[in-house]
Every structure is written in structure tokens, then in C-alpha cells.
């Protein structure tokens, strides 16, 4: 097996490279950012997914048997121009055209997102979409491109849930930072059911898709864990990180603080909670995981085991990591050629 990973310098990609390299699998990471983990430098080839000529050359040189396509702009900040996410759908289409040129490729896994359907919407089938952000729409187009391009190899689409674990700088820079100072409060004790996923389980599920081969061909899987009560996870993190249970305060109080965060965001002052974050903390978001568990099996890591690894990484590794700067593909396209 020779695995080519696009976007392997990001959060999930870093864990995927670590997982397969530890098993001695030959792999390469195509990314326009350097690895978050400096120890993975030897696997990295700088590459823009929109540069089909460059992608084609790297495919030819490495000759992969399996491809995991993670490369994408994954934030939801852009509200008006889907061209800001063109590396997601157009970049995927360019990549798939290269994949078609390589008969030695047995399987490609294409990454979508749970956001192809809004919270509360349960899709009736794999082509039943209801995106609520431009990011989600770009991933809907990504899924359609995967189906339309006419691949000869096996293909599988994965829709990650809210993924957490080592190498997630979003949690390092917001939740863990606030919680370590004793400033984290969770809204009330009401039950909020969320679809989250420990990154170790997501990586395991990706490997299982490859192992099962033809049995996963043409299928769509949500990857992550069974939905759970969010406060159980938050409390587990608090106990592991600061040795104390999470503190709860009335929901209306946090909502008021979130409005302050919204005002500060308008003048670009960072604040740990905004209305968007408040909504995430207080709204159910359940994705259908039954097919994933039935086909792939039960993932190996419990919440408690994942939290221990997450906090260990935070304490021992995370402080030295410099986050990648968001690159806008539209700005790059405006630059004159040398």
C-alpha cells in the first residue's frame, strides 16, 4: 500500500500521517502548508491542489495505490462568495481527473462534511442535501464531482462530524486556554446531544474503509462517534485538564456574554464566546452514524481515552505549534505570473 494524502499538514491529516507512518506504510503528504508536526517534514511535498500540472507530476513520481483527499478550506467565515472555497469543489474535480489517469490507484477517500445538512435535518438518502453555509455548499459540490467524474477505481465519501483531539489548534487556542485559567462555564445542565468524533477514531475509520475495499465502494459515511450529551465530554475534559468538574451557569447569562463577544468581534477583538459558539453549545446536532458502525465496526477509543491523549498533547506538545495562516485562493489567482 502506498498512500497519497492531500491536506496532510492539517489537523486530521497530521493524525493520519502519524497513524500510517507508525505502521511503516509508504506515504506522501501534498499540502501548500508545512506539517504542523515538524517530525513529519520528510513526508511533505509543497503543492497547491489547484495546480493540476504540479499535482499530476507528484502523482506520477509517487505512484500511489490509495488516496485520502483531505485538502480543503474548512472554515465557515466567508458568507457571500463561494469562490473563496473553490479549492474544495473545483480543486477536487481537478484532483479526480488526475486520479483517473492512474490505473494503479485502487481506492480514493474524498472528504466532505456533516455541514452538507443543517442541524436537525436528517437526510433521507446520500443525495439529500441541505447545506446552511457556503462551506457546506462547496462540499455538496465536492460530493457531486466525485460521483460525476467517472472514476474507475473505488471511491468512498466521508463526512466528518465535529472532530477533536491532538493537533486541533482551535481547542488549544480557545477552550483549553479559557478552561486552564478557570474561566470556562457551561450553559445550564440541559441535555444537548452533539455528533462529535475523537480524531483517533476518525483515522481508524479511514483505515477500515481501505481495508474493506469493495464493500465500501460508492458509499457515504459520517465519521466520528455516536452522538452524546455534550456536557459529559466537557466535564471529562475539565476533570483531566484542571482536576475539577465543569462549572455550570444559567443559559441566559452566557447568552448575554456571547452578545458582548459579537460586539467585540466587529472590531476584531478576540473573545472566547460569541453567539455562534453559544448556539453550538446549546443546540442539538445529530448525524446518522448507524451505517458507519454497522459497516466499519465499533471504533476503539472511548471518550475518556481520547480526552487523556488530548490533554497530554496539550501539555507536552501544543505550545510550540504555530498555526497555519489562512490562504485565500482568490488572492493567489490575482497575483501576476513571474
C-alpha atoms as a PDB file:
ATOM      1  CA  UNK A   1       0.000   0.000   0.000  1.00  0.00           C
ATOM      2  CA  UNK A   2       1.238   3.457  -0.953  1.00  0.00           C
ATOM      3  CA  UNK A   3      -0.951   6.260   0.400  1.00  0.00           C
ATOM      4  CA  UNK A   4      -1.082   9.781  -1.009  1.00  0.00           C
ATOM      5  CA  UNK A   5      -2.748  12.240   1.362  1.00  0.00           C
ATOM      6  CA  UNK A   6      -3.810  15.699   0.273  1.00  0.00           C
ATOM      7  CA  UNK A   7      -4.058  18.227   3.083  1.00  0.00           C
ATOM      8  CA  UNK A   8      -1.943  16.062   5.368  1.00  0.00           C
ATOM      9  CA  UNK A   9      -0.498  19.104   7.160  1.00  0.00           C
ATOM     10  CA  UNK A  10      -3.804  19.926   8.846  1.00  0.00           C
ATOM     11  CA  UNK A  11      -5.481  18.583  11.963  1.00  0.00           C
ATOM     12  CA  UNK A  12      -6.919  15.270  10.739  1.00  0.00           C
ATOM     13  CA  UNK A  13      -4.098  14.883   8.216  1.00  0.00           C
ATOM     14  CA  UNK A  14      -1.404  15.141  10.883  1.00  0.00           C
ATOM     15  CA  UNK A  15      -3.054  12.329  12.840  1.00  0.00           C
ATOM     16  CA  UNK A  16      -3.462  10.259   9.676  1.00  0.00           C
ATOM     17  CA  UNK A  17       0.219  10.640   8.742  1.00  0.00           C
ATOM     18  CA  UNK A  18       1.200   9.684  12.300  1.00  0.00           C
ATOM     19  CA  UNK A  19      -1.068   6.614  12.242  1.00  0.00           C
ATOM     20  CA  UNK A  20       0.135   5.165   8.954  1.00  0.00           C
ATOM     21  CA  UNK A  21       3.803   6.132   9.286  1.00  0.00           C
ATOM     22  CA  UNK A  22       3.906   4.320  12.654  1.00  0.00           C
ATOM     23  CA  UNK A  23       2.806   1.194  10.768  1.00  0.00           C
ATOM     24  CA  UNK A  24       5.552   1.589   8.187  1.00  0.00           C
ATOM     25  CA  UNK A  25       3.196   2.423   5.319  1.00  0.00           C
ATOM     26  CA  UNK A  26       4.742   4.365   2.443  1.00  0.00           C
ATOM     27  CA  UNK A  27       3.017   7.733   2.204  1.00  0.00           C
ATOM     28  CA  UNK A  28       3.285  11.276   0.927  1.00  0.00           C
ATOM     29  CA  UNK A  29       1.534  14.465   2.028  1.00  0.00           C
ATOM     30  CA  UNK A  30       0.603  17.050  -0.607  1.00  0.00           C
ATOM     31  CA  UNK A  31      -0.175  20.370   1.050  1.00  0.00           C
ATOM     32  CA  UNK A  32       0.574  24.044   0.464  1.00  0.00           C
ATOM     33  CA  UNK A  33       1.311  24.378   4.193  1.00  0.00           C
ATOM     34  CA  UNK A  34       4.212  22.711   6.023  1.00  0.00           C
ATOM     35  CA  UNK A  35       3.295  19.988   8.547  1.00  0.00           C
ATOM     36  CA  UNK A  36       2.030  21.042  11.973  1.00  0.00           C
ATOM     37  CA  UNK A  37       4.286  18.310  13.337  1.00  0.00           C
ATOM     38  CA  UNK A  38       7.912  19.077  12.370  1.00  0.00           C
ATOM     39  CA  UNK A  39       8.657  15.359  12.667  1.00  0.00           C
ATOM     40  CA  UNK A  40       6.537  14.771   9.559  1.00  0.00           C
ATOM     41  CA  UNK A  41       8.604  17.036   7.320  1.00  0.00           C
ATOM     42  CA  UNK A  42      10.026  14.083   5.386  1.00  0.00           C
ATOM     43  CA  UNK A  43       6.583  13.139   4.086  1.00  0.00           C
ATOM     44  CA  UNK A  44       5.666  16.630   2.846  1.00  0.00           C
ATOM     45  CA  UNK A  45       5.652  17.899  -0.719  1.00  0.00           C
ATOM     46  CA  UNK A  46       4.529  21.504  -1.158  1.00  0.00           C
ATOM     47  CA  UNK A  47       1.594  21.513  -3.535  1.00  0.00           C
ATOM     48  CA  UNK A  48      -1.415  23.651  -4.444  1.00  0.00           C
ATOM     49  CA  UNK A  49      -4.417  21.431  -5.183  1.00  0.00           C
ATOM     50  CA  UNK A  50      -5.481  23.930  -7.858  1.00  0.00           C
ATOM     51  CA  UNK A  51      -2.210  23.387  -9.745  1.00  0.00           C
ATOM     52  CA  UNK A  52      -3.192  20.325 -11.746  1.00  0.00           C
ATOM     53  CA  UNK A  53       0.158  20.145 -13.537  1.00  0.00           C
ATOM     54  CA  UNK A  54       2.029  20.070 -10.238  1.00  0.00           C
ATOM     55  CA  UNK A  55      -0.408  17.540  -8.776  1.00  0.00           C
ATOM     56  CA  UNK A  56      -0.032  15.338 -11.837  1.00  0.00           C
ATOM     57  CA  UNK A  57       3.768  15.336 -11.543  1.00  0.00           C
ATOM     58  CA  UNK A  58       3.675  14.354  -7.871  1.00  0.00           C
ATOM     59  CA  UNK A  59       1.190  11.545  -8.535  1.00  0.00           C
ATOM     60  CA  UNK A  60       3.403  10.209 -11.297  1.00  0.00           C
ATOM     61  CA  UNK A  61       6.512  10.316  -9.124  1.00  0.00           C
ATOM     62  CA  UNK A  62       4.920   8.624  -6.107  1.00  0.00           C
ATOM     63  CA  UNK A  63       2.574   6.195  -7.909  1.00  0.00           C
ATOM     64  CA  UNK A  64       0.033   5.730  -5.090  1.00  0.00           C
ATOM     65  CA  UNK A  65      -2.333   2.803  -4.635  1.00  0.00           C
ATOM     66  CA  UNK A  66      -4.639   4.712  -2.250  1.00  0.00           C
ATOM     67  CA  UNK A  67      -5.567   8.385  -1.956  1.00  0.00           C
ATOM     68  CA  UNK A  68      -7.086  10.202   1.014  1.00  0.00           C
ATOM     69  CA  UNK A  69      -8.286  13.623  -0.099  1.00  0.00           C
ATOM     70  CA  UNK A  70      -8.453  15.996   2.884  1.00  0.00           C
ATOM     71  CA  UNK A  71      -7.247  19.246   1.298  1.00  0.00           C
ATOM     72  CA  UNK A  72      -9.826  21.997   1.709  1.00  0.00           C
ATOM     73  CA  UNK A  73     -10.619  25.371   3.138  1.00  0.00           C
ATOM     74  CA  UNK A  74     -12.557  24.275   6.217  1.00  0.00           C
ATOM     75  CA  UNK A  75     -13.675  27.454   7.989  1.00  0.00           C
ATOM     76  CA  UNK A  76     -17.179  28.869   7.631  1.00  0.00           C
ATOM     77  CA  UNK A  77     -16.196  32.548   7.732  1.00  0.00           C
ATOM     78  CA  UNK A  78     -16.998  33.501   4.130  1.00  0.00           C
ATOM     79  CA  UNK A  79     -20.676  34.401   3.784  1.00  0.00           C
ATOM     80  CA  UNK A  80     -21.114  35.760   0.241  1.00  0.00           C
ATOM     81  CA  UNK A  81     -18.633  34.389  -2.313  1.00  0.00           C
ATOM     82  CA  UNK A  82     -18.383  30.640  -2.887  1.00  0.00           C
ATOM     83  CA  UNK A  83     -15.261  31.267  -4.977  1.00  0.00           C
ATOM     84  CA  UNK A  84     -13.477  31.559  -1.632  1.00  0.00           C
ATOM     85  CA  UNK A  85     -13.957  27.793  -1.337  1.00  0.00           C
ATOM     86  CA  UNK A  86     -13.186  26.842  -4.929  1.00  0.00           C
ATOM     87  CA  UNK A  87     -10.260  24.637  -3.861  1.00  0.00           C
ATOM     88  CA  UNK A  88     -12.885  22.428  -2.226  1.00  0.00           C
ATOM     89  CA  UNK A  89     -15.098  21.588  -5.209  1.00  0.00           C
ATOM     90  CA  UNK A  90     -13.076  22.744  -8.212  1.00  0.00           C
ATOM     91  CA  UNK A  91      -9.855  21.526  -6.624  1.00  0.00           C
ATOM     92  CA  UNK A  92     -11.444  18.120  -6.027  1.00  0.00           C
ATOM     93  CA  UNK A  93     -12.563  17.889  -9.639  1.00  0.00           C
ATOM     94  CA  UNK A  94      -9.026  18.683 -10.842  1.00  0.00           C
ATOM     95  CA  UNK A  95      -7.620  16.061  -8.475  1.00  0.00           C
ATOM     96  CA  UNK A  96     -10.107  13.412  -9.590  1.00  0.00           C
ATOM     97  CA  UNK A  97      -9.134  13.958 -13.213  1.00  0.00           C
ATOM     98  CA  UNK A  98      -5.550  13.127 -12.249  1.00  0.00           C
ATOM     99  CA  UNK A  99      -6.697  10.060 -10.298  1.00  0.00           C
ATOM    100  CA  UNK A 100      -8.444   8.800 -13.457  1.00  0.00           C
ATOM    101  CA  UNK A 101      -5.096   8.840 -15.255  1.00  0.00           C
ATOM    102  CA  UNK A 102      -3.535   6.345 -12.825  1.00  0.00           C
ATOM    103  CA  UNK A 103      -4.824   2.770 -13.210  1.00  0.00           C
ATOM    104  CA  UNK A 104      -2.710   1.688 -10.238  1.00  0.00           C
ATOM    105  CA  UNK A 105      -4.938   3.609  -7.808  1.00  0.00           C
ATOM    106  CA  UNK A 106      -7.287   1.168  -6.089  1.00  0.00           C
ATOM    107  CA  UNK A 107      -9.276   3.469  -3.819  1.00  0.00           C
ATOM    108  CA  UNK A 108      -9.805   7.160  -3.088  1.00  0.00           C
ATOM    109  CA  UNK A 109     -11.484   8.547   0.029  1.00  0.00           C
ATOM    110  CA  UNK A 110     -12.930  12.032  -0.526  1.00  0.00           C
ATOM    111  CA  UNK A 111     -13.647  14.218   2.495  1.00  0.00           C
ATOM    112  CA  UNK A 112     -16.919  16.114   2.701  1.00  0.00           C
ATOM    113  CA  UNK A 113     -18.505  17.424   5.932  1.00  0.00           C
ATOM    114  CA  UNK A 114     -21.544  16.961   8.150  1.00  0.00           C
ATOM    115  CA  UNK A 115     -22.426  20.540   7.166  1.00  0.00           C
ATOM    116  CA  UNK A 116     -23.895  19.376   3.853  1.00  0.00           C
ATOM    117  CA  UNK A 117     -27.020  19.131   6.033  1.00  0.00           C
ATOM    118  CA  UNK A 118     -28.011  21.704   8.617  1.00  0.00           C
ATOM    119  CA  UNK A 119     -28.580  20.831  12.266  1.00  0.00           C
ATOM    120  CA  UNK A 120     -31.849  18.999  12.791  1.00  0.00           C
ATOM    121  CA  UNK A 121     -32.119  17.808   9.182  1.00  0.00           C
ATOM    122  CA  UNK A 122     -31.884  14.041   8.748  1.00  0.00           C
ATOM    123  CA  UNK A 123     -31.085  13.183   5.114  1.00  0.00           C
ATOM    124  CA  UNK A 124     -33.316  10.524   3.554  1.00  0.00           C
ATOM    125  CA  UNK A 125     -30.506   9.308   1.262  1.00  0.00           C
ATOM    126  CA  UNK A 126     -26.936  10.164   0.241  1.00  0.00           C
ATOM    127  CA  UNK A 127     -28.005  12.782  -2.301  1.00  0.00           C
ATOM    128  CA  UNK A 128     -30.361  14.537   0.078  1.00  0.00           C
ATOM    129  CA  UNK A 129     -28.564  17.774   0.990  1.00  0.00           C
ATOM    130  CA  UNK A 130     -29.458  20.884   2.941  1.00  0.00           C
ATOM    131  CA  UNK A 131     -26.287  22.962   3.429  1.00  0.00           C
ATOM    132  CA  UNK A 132     -26.523  26.104   5.520  1.00  0.00           C
ATOM    133  CA  UNK A 133     -23.121  27.673   4.846  1.00  0.00           C
ATOM    134  CA  UNK A 134     -21.061  28.328   1.725  1.00  0.00           C
ATOM    135  CA  UNK A 135     -18.530  25.861   3.093  1.00  0.00           C
ATOM    136  CA  UNK A 136     -21.263  23.223   3.257  1.00  0.00           C
ATOM    137  CA  UNK A 137     -22.380  24.074  -0.269  1.00  0.00           C
ATOM    138  CA  UNK A 138     -18.812  23.720  -1.548  1.00  0.00           C
ATOM    139  CA  UNK A 139     -18.714  20.247  -0.044  1.00  0.00           C
ATOM    140  CA  UNK A 140     -22.053  19.340  -1.619  1.00  0.00           C
ATOM    141  CA  UNK A 141     -20.446  20.219  -4.943  1.00  0.00           C
ATOM    142  CA  UNK A 142     -17.403  18.165  -3.921  1.00  0.00           C
ATOM    143  CA  UNK A 143     -19.597  15.108  -3.422  1.00  0.00           C
ATOM    144  CA  UNK A 144     -21.332  15.626  -6.776  1.00  0.00           C
ATOM    145  CA  UNK A 145     -17.973  15.977  -8.535  1.00  0.00           C
ATOM    146  CA  UNK A 146     -16.844  12.670  -7.036  1.00  0.00           C
ATOM    147  CA  UNK A 147     -19.906  10.936  -8.455  1.00  0.00           C
ATOM    148  CA  UNK A 148     -19.830  12.637 -11.857  1.00  0.00           C
ATOM    149  CA  UNK A 149     -16.191  12.331 -12.902  1.00  0.00           C
ATOM    150  CA  UNK A 150     -16.420   8.619 -13.769  1.00  0.00           C
ATOM    151  CA  UNK A 151     -13.723   7.067 -11.616  1.00  0.00           C
ATOM    152  CA  UNK A 152     -12.518   3.571 -12.500  1.00  0.00           C
ATOM    153  CA  UNK A 153     -11.179   2.971  -9.006  1.00  0.00           C
ATOM    154  CA  UNK A 154     -13.215   2.507  -5.833  1.00  0.00           C
ATOM    155  CA  UNK A 155     -14.351   5.695  -4.133  1.00  0.00           C
ATOM    156  CA  UNK A 156     -15.832   6.496  -0.741  1.00  0.00           C
ATOM    157  CA  UNK A 157     -17.049   9.814   0.672  1.00  0.00           C
ATOM    158  CA  UNK A 158     -16.627  10.623   4.355  1.00  0.00           C
ATOM    159  CA  UNK A 159     -18.471  13.335   6.262  1.00  0.00           C
ATOM    160  CA  UNK A 160     -16.540  14.181   9.441  1.00  0.00           C
ATOM    161  CA  UNK A 161     -18.574  15.272  12.437  1.00  0.00           C
ATOM    162  CA  UNK A 162     -17.120  17.819  14.888  1.00  0.00           C
ATOM    163  CA  UNK A 163     -13.686  16.252  15.284  1.00  0.00           C
ATOM    164  CA  UNK A 164     -11.486  16.838  18.349  1.00  0.00           C
ATOM    165  CA  UNK A 165      -8.165  15.568  19.639  1.00  0.00           C
ATOM    166  CA  UNK A 166      -4.406  16.148  19.364  1.00  0.00           C
ATOM    167  CA  UNK A 167      -3.283  18.738  16.793  1.00  0.00           C
ATOM    168  CA  UNK A 168      -6.584  20.647  16.950  1.00  0.00           C
ATOM    169  CA  UNK A 169      -5.380  24.208  17.473  1.00  0.00           C
ATOM    170  CA  UNK A 170      -8.923  25.560  17.678  1.00  0.00           C
ATOM    171  CA  UNK A 171      -9.460  23.825  21.005  1.00  0.00           C
ATOM    172  CA  UNK A 172      -5.951  24.706  22.160  1.00  0.00           C
ATOM    173  CA  UNK A 173      -6.415  28.399  21.476  1.00  0.00           C
ATOM    174  CA  UNK A 174      -9.964  28.810  22.758  1.00  0.00           C
ATOM    175  CA  UNK A 175     -11.494  26.199  25.033  1.00  0.00           C
ATOM    176  CA  UNK A 176      -8.348  24.845  26.695  1.00  0.00           C
ATOM    177  CA  UNK A 177      -6.885  28.300  27.179  1.00  0.00           C
ATOM    178  CA  UNK A 178     -10.024  29.553  28.931  1.00  0.00           C
ATOM    179  CA  UNK A 179     -10.534  26.362  30.935  1.00  0.00           C
ATOM    180  CA  UNK A 180      -6.930  26.340  32.166  1.00  0.00           C
ATOM    181  CA  UNK A 181      -7.494  29.784  33.677  1.00  0.00           C
ATOM    182  CA  UNK A 182     -10.612  28.592  35.470  1.00  0.00           C
ATOM    183  CA  UNK A 183     -12.813  30.832  33.334  1.00  0.00           C
ATOM    184  CA  UNK A 184     -14.841  28.206  31.486  1.00  0.00           C
ATOM    185  CA  UNK A 185     -18.548  27.896  32.290  1.00  0.00           C
ATOM    186  CA  UNK A 186     -21.018  25.606  30.529  1.00  0.00           C
ATOM    187  CA  UNK A 187     -24.620  26.738  29.941  1.00  0.00           C
ATOM    188  CA  UNK A 188     -27.019  25.055  32.390  1.00  0.00           C
ATOM    189  CA  UNK A 189     -27.304  21.313  32.842  1.00  0.00           C
ATOM    190  CA  UNK A 190     -29.745  20.779  29.986  1.00  0.00           C
ATOM    191  CA  UNK A 191     -29.095  17.844  27.699  1.00  0.00           C
ATOM    192  CA  UNK A 192     -27.523  18.856  24.358  1.00  0.00           C
ATOM    193  CA  UNK A 193     -26.827  15.964  22.001  1.00  0.00           C
ATOM    194  CA  UNK A 194     -23.983  16.531  19.564  1.00  0.00           C
ATOM    195  CA  UNK A 195     -22.184  14.495  16.913  1.00  0.00           C
ATOM    196  CA  UNK A 196     -18.519  14.691  17.887  1.00  0.00           C
ATOM    197  CA  UNK A 197     -15.637  12.433  16.969  1.00  0.00           C
ATOM    198  CA  UNK A 198     -12.277  11.711  18.556  1.00  0.00           C
ATOM    199  CA  UNK A 199      -9.695  12.048  15.798  1.00  0.00           C
ATOM    200  CA  UNK A 200      -8.163   8.658  16.646  1.00  0.00           C
ATOM    201  CA  UNK A 201     -11.490   7.027  15.847  1.00  0.00           C
ATOM    202  CA  UNK A 202     -11.814   9.000  12.603  1.00  0.00           C
ATOM    203  CA  UNK A 203      -8.367   7.845  11.490  1.00  0.00           C
ATOM    204  CA  UNK A 204      -9.250   4.257  12.426  1.00  0.00           C
ATOM    205  CA  UNK A 205     -12.452   4.528  10.373  1.00  0.00           C
ATOM    206  CA  UNK A 206     -10.493   5.785   7.354  1.00  0.00           C
ATOM    207  CA  UNK A 207      -8.195   2.784   7.611  1.00  0.00           C
ATOM    208  CA  UNK A 208     -11.183   0.435   7.917  1.00  0.00           C
ATOM    209  CA  UNK A 209     -12.683   1.855   4.711  1.00  0.00           C
ATOM    210  CA  UNK A 210      -9.442   0.981   2.924  1.00  0.00           C
ATOM    211  CA  UNK A 211      -9.295  -2.490   4.490  1.00  0.00           C
ATOM    212  CA  UNK A 212     -12.870  -3.332   3.496  1.00  0.00           C
ATOM    213  CA  UNK A 213     -12.247  -2.161  -0.063  1.00  0.00           C
ATOM    214  CA  UNK A 214     -15.090  -3.119  -2.394  1.00  0.00           C
ATOM    215  CA  UNK A 215     -17.592  -3.286   0.484  1.00  0.00           C
ATOM    216  CA  UNK A 216     -17.262   0.498   0.948  1.00  0.00           C
ATOM    217  CA  UNK A 217     -17.212   1.450  -2.725  1.00  0.00           C
ATOM    218  CA  UNK A 218     -19.645   4.221  -3.650  1.00  0.00           C
ATOM    219  CA  UNK A 219     -20.804   4.715  -0.075  1.00  0.00           C
ATOM    220  CA  UNK A 220     -21.039   7.781   2.152  1.00  0.00           C
ATOM    221  CA  UNK A 221     -20.034   7.528   5.811  1.00  0.00           C
ATOM    222  CA  UNK A 222     -20.311  10.013   8.628  1.00  0.00           C
ATOM    223  CA  UNK A 223     -17.083   9.549  10.595  1.00  0.00           C
ATOM    224  CA  UNK A 224     -16.761  10.172  14.305  1.00  0.00           C
ATOM    225  CA  UNK A 225     -18.529   8.778  17.356  1.00  0.00           C
ATOM    226  CA  UNK A 226     -22.107   8.061  18.254  1.00  0.00           C
ATOM    227  CA  UNK A 227     -23.835  11.331  19.306  1.00  0.00           C
ATOM    228  CA  UNK A 228     -23.532  12.048  23.036  1.00  0.00           C
ATOM    229  CA  UNK A 229     -24.504  14.548  25.702  1.00  0.00           C
ATOM    230  CA  UNK A 230     -22.095  17.443  25.237  1.00  0.00           C
ATOM    231  CA  UNK A 231     -21.750  18.138  28.951  1.00  0.00           C
ATOM    232  CA  UNK A 232     -20.338  14.615  29.504  1.00  0.00           C
ATOM    233  CA  UNK A 233     -17.469  15.416  27.148  1.00  0.00           C
ATOM    234  CA  UNK A 234     -16.897  18.926  28.520  1.00  0.00           C
ATOM    235  CA  UNK A 235     -16.842  17.578  32.080  1.00  0.00           C
ATOM    236  CA  UNK A 236     -14.344  14.865  31.120  1.00  0.00           C
ATOM    237  CA  UNK A 237     -12.038  17.499  29.602  1.00  0.00           C
ATOM    238  CA  UNK A 238     -12.318  19.748  32.675  1.00  0.00           C
ATOM    239  CA  UNK A 239     -11.515  16.919  35.097  1.00  0.00           C
ATOM    240  CA  UNK A 240      -8.491  15.818  33.078  1.00  0.00           C
ATOM    241  CA  UNK A 241      -7.194  19.328  32.400  1.00  0.00           C
ATOM    242  CA  UNK A 242      -7.695  21.104  35.748  1.00  0.00           C
ATOM    243  CA  UNK A 243      -8.790  18.300  38.055  1.00  0.00           C
ATOM    244  CA  UNK A 244     -12.224  19.800  38.665  1.00  0.00           C
ATOM    245  CA  UNK A 245     -15.722  19.201  37.284  1.00  0.00           C
ATOM    246  CA  UNK A 246     -17.015  21.709  34.784  1.00  0.00           C
ATOM    247  CA  UNK A 247     -18.982  24.614  36.219  1.00  0.00           C
ATOM    248  CA  UNK A 248     -22.490  25.385  35.014  1.00  0.00           C
ATOM    249  CA  UNK A 249     -24.247  28.743  34.931  1.00  0.00           C
ATOM    250  CA  UNK A 250     -27.705  29.749  33.673  1.00  0.00           C
ATOM    251  CA  UNK A 251     -28.038  29.777  29.910  1.00  0.00           C
ATOM    252  CA  UNK A 252     -29.320  33.354  29.793  1.00  0.00           C
ATOM    253  CA  UNK A 253     -26.123  34.621  31.414  1.00  0.00           C
ATOM    254  CA  UNK A 254     -23.884  33.009  28.805  1.00  0.00           C
ATOM    255  CA  UNK A 255     -26.141  34.309  26.052  1.00  0.00           C
ATOM    256  CA  UNK A 256     -25.570  37.834  27.346  1.00  0.00           C
ATOM    257  CA  UNK A 257     -21.797  37.297  27.405  1.00  0.00           C
ATOM    258  CA  UNK A 258     -21.997  35.980  23.825  1.00  0.00           C
ATOM    259  CA  UNK A 259     -23.587  39.239  22.706  1.00  0.00           C
ATOM    260  CA  UNK A 260     -20.604  41.089  24.165  1.00  0.00           C
ATOM    261  CA  UNK A 261     -18.386  38.731  22.159  1.00  0.00           C
ATOM    262  CA  UNK A 262     -20.315  39.605  18.997  1.00  0.00           C
ATOM    263  CA  UNK A 263     -19.708  43.311  19.576  1.00  0.00           C
ATOM    264  CA  UNK A 264     -16.002  42.761  20.149  1.00  0.00           C
ATOM    265  CA  UNK A 265     -15.775  40.630  17.018  1.00  0.00           C
ATOM    266  CA  UNK A 266     -16.999  43.591  14.959  1.00  0.00           C
ATOM    267  CA  UNK A 267     -13.858  45.495  15.936  1.00  0.00           C
ATOM    268  CA  UNK A 268     -11.678  42.368  15.579  1.00  0.00           C
ATOM    269  CA  UNK A 269     -11.067  41.859  19.287  1.00  0.00           C
ATOM    270  CA  UNK A 270     -10.890  38.119  20.063  1.00  0.00           C
ATOM    271  CA  UNK A 271     -13.280  36.797  22.686  1.00  0.00           C
ATOM    272  CA  UNK A 272     -13.859  33.172  23.733  1.00  0.00           C
ATOM    273  CA  UNK A 273     -17.605  33.142  23.134  1.00  0.00           C
ATOM    274  CA  UNK A 274     -19.893  34.636  20.501  1.00  0.00           C
ATOM    275  CA  UNK A 275     -23.476  33.910  19.504  1.00  0.00           C
ATOM    276  CA  UNK A 276     -22.236  31.301  17.043  1.00  0.00           C
ATOM    277  CA  UNK A 277     -20.304  29.500  19.744  1.00  0.00           C
ATOM    278  CA  UNK A 278     -23.255  29.841  22.131  1.00  0.00           C
ATOM    279  CA  UNK A 279     -25.550  28.225  19.570  1.00  0.00           C
ATOM    280  CA  UNK A 280     -23.095  25.345  19.172  1.00  0.00           C
ATOM    281  CA  UNK A 281     -23.078  24.805  22.939  1.00  0.00           C
ATOM    282  CA  UNK A 282     -26.853  24.790  23.302  1.00  0.00           C
ATOM    283  CA  UNK A 283     -28.237  23.206  20.106  1.00  0.00           C
ATOM    284  CA  UNK A 284     -28.541  19.539  19.185  1.00  0.00           C
ATOM    285  CA  UNK A 285     -26.664  18.407  16.072  1.00  0.00           C
ATOM    286  CA  UNK A 286     -27.162  14.697  15.427  1.00  0.00           C
ATOM    287  CA  UNK A 287     -25.800  12.879  12.386  1.00  0.00           C
ATOM    288  CA  UNK A 288     -26.753   9.327  11.343  1.00  0.00           C
ATOM    289  CA  UNK A 289     -23.921   7.020  12.429  1.00  0.00           C
ATOM    290  CA  UNK A 290     -25.701   3.658  12.125  1.00  0.00           C
ATOM    291  CA  UNK A 291     -24.279   2.773   8.689  1.00  0.00           C
ATOM    292  CA  UNK A 292     -20.780   3.669   9.846  1.00  0.00           C
ATOM    293  CA  UNK A 293     -20.942   1.414  12.915  1.00  0.00           C
ATOM    294  CA  UNK A 294     -22.674  -1.394  11.039  1.00  0.00           C
ATOM    295  CA  UNK A 295     -20.198  -1.456   8.142  1.00  0.00           C
ATOM    296  CA  UNK A 296     -16.930  -0.447   9.786  1.00  0.00           C
ATOM    297  CA  UNK A 297     -17.404  -1.713  13.334  1.00  0.00           C
ATOM    298  CA  UNK A 298     -17.090  -0.026  16.701  1.00  0.00           C
ATOM    299  CA  UNK A 299     -14.182   2.439  16.850  1.00  0.00           C
ATOM    300  CA  UNK A 300     -11.613   1.609  19.544  1.00  0.00           C
ATOM    301  CA  UNK A 301     -11.225   4.798  21.603  1.00  0.00           C
ATOM    302  CA  UNK A 302     -13.581   5.822  24.416  1.00  0.00           C
ATOM    303  CA  UNK A 303     -14.264   9.457  25.293  1.00  0.00           C
ATOM    304  CA  UNK A 304     -12.103   9.108  28.401  1.00  0.00           C
ATOM    305  CA  UNK A 305      -9.165   7.600  26.492  1.00  0.00           C
ATOM    306  CA  UNK A 306      -9.390  10.295  23.835  1.00  0.00           C
ATOM    307  CA  UNK A 307      -9.544  13.094  26.403  1.00  0.00           C
ATOM    308  CA  UNK A 308      -6.427  11.750  28.160  1.00  0.00           C
ATOM    309  CA  UNK A 309      -4.469  11.773  24.891  1.00  0.00           C
ATOM    310  CA  UNK A 310      -5.809  15.217  24.006  1.00  0.00           C
ATOM    311  CA  UNK A 311      -4.790  16.799  27.302  1.00  0.00           C
ATOM    312  CA  UNK A 312      -1.403  15.027  27.236  1.00  0.00           C
ATOM    313  CA  UNK A 313      -0.728  16.519  23.798  1.00  0.00           C
ATOM    314  CA  UNK A 314      -1.880  19.927  25.000  1.00  0.00           C
ATOM    315  CA  UNK A 315       0.511  19.897  27.958  1.00  0.00           C
ATOM    316  CA  UNK A 316       3.542  18.348  26.304  1.00  0.00           C
ATOM    317  CA  UNK A 317       3.450  19.389  22.648  1.00  0.00           C
ATOM    318  CA  UNK A 318       0.961  22.068  21.717  1.00  0.00           C
ATOM    319  CA  UNK A 319       2.601  25.267  22.975  1.00  0.00           C
ATOM    320  CA  UNK A 320       5.292  25.273  20.279  1.00  0.00           C
ATOM    321  CA  UNK A 321       2.936  24.765  17.341  1.00  0.00           C
ATOM    322  CA  UNK A 322       2.403  27.739  15.050  1.00  0.00           C
ATOM    323  CA  UNK A 323      -0.983  27.725  13.279  1.00  0.00           C
ATOM    324  CA  UNK A 324      -1.164  27.973   9.525  1.00  0.00           C
ATOM    325  CA  UNK A 325      -2.183  31.292   8.034  1.00  0.00           C
ATOM    326  CA  UNK A 326      -5.442  31.101   6.105  1.00  0.00           C
ATOM    327  CA  UNK A 327      -4.669  31.466   2.403  1.00  0.00           C
ATOM    328  CA  UNK A 328      -7.354  32.866   0.151  1.00  0.00           C
ATOM    329  CA  UNK A 329      -7.140  31.185  -3.253  1.00  0.00           C
ATOM    330  CA  UNK A 330      -8.780  34.239  -4.842  1.00  0.00           C
ATOM    331  CA  UNK A 331      -5.874  36.458  -3.809  1.00  0.00           C
ATOM    332  CA  UNK A 332      -3.357  33.982  -5.157  1.00  0.00           C
ATOM    333  CA  UNK A 333      -5.121  33.973  -8.527  1.00  0.00           C
ATOM    334  CA  UNK A 334      -4.802  37.770  -8.722  1.00  0.00           C
ATOM    335  CA  UNK A 335      -1.014  37.656  -8.426  1.00  0.00           C
ATOM    336  CA  UNK A 336       0.811  38.241 -11.737  1.00  0.00           C
ATOM    337  CA  UNK A 337       2.905  35.383 -13.056  1.00  0.00           C
ATOM    338  CA  UNK A 338       6.651  35.782 -12.613  1.00  0.00           C
END
